[in-house]
Amino acid sequence: MSLLKCESAALSHVGLRRTNNEDAFFADDRRCVYAVADGIGGHSAGERASAIAIDTFARAAAPAPDPKTYLETVFAEADHRIHESMDASSHGMGTTLTVCGISSVGVLYVGHDGDSTLHVLRGGAAHKITQDQSAGHALLNCLGGRRGNFIGVAHYQEQLHHDDVVV
C-alpha cells in the first residue's frame, strides 16, 4: 500500500511587462502528474502554444513503463501540434514545458525544456532539479518557435524523501 499523497496548488501572474498571461498548467493529484508551460514572451500567440502543450500532456495516455520514452513522445507531439497550428498571425509561437510525475514509491520523474525551473524543498532548503536552457534572453530549447528550436527533452530523476515539497 502506498502512503504517497499528492496535493497541488497553482498561481500565475502576468508579470510587469506584458498585458496577457501566457502561462498554462495541468495538475492531477490522483495520478501525481503535473505540468507547467510558459509561452515565449515577445512572440505572437505564446498563450496558444502553452495551451497546446498542456492539452497534449493532459490528453496523453497513461505513462508507459519507461518514463523517458513517454516524456519524449509527449514533448515531440506537443512540438508537432504547435507547429501544425501556426498561421500567419502566430508564426514563431512557442513555449517552455516542464512536467513531472511521482511514482508510488516516491521517485520524481521530470521532463523539461526551456527556462522554467523545478525545485525540491528539503530540510528547509531549495534544491534546483532542472537546468535553464537559455543564454541571456534567448531560449536554446523550446516547443514551437522556429523549426529546430526543440532539441529534445532534458530528463531528471530524484528519489523524494518524507516531507519533500516539489515546486
Foldseek 3Di string as FASTA:
>chain_A
DFPDFDDDDDDFDCDDPDDDFQKDKDDDRVQQKIKIKGKQPPAPPRNVLNVLLRVLVVPQDPADPDNQVRLQVSLVVSLVVLQVPDDPRHAQIWIWMKMWGADSQQKIKIWTAAADWKWKQDPNDTHTFDDHQADDSGHQATRHGDPPSHPTIDITMDRDDPPIDMD
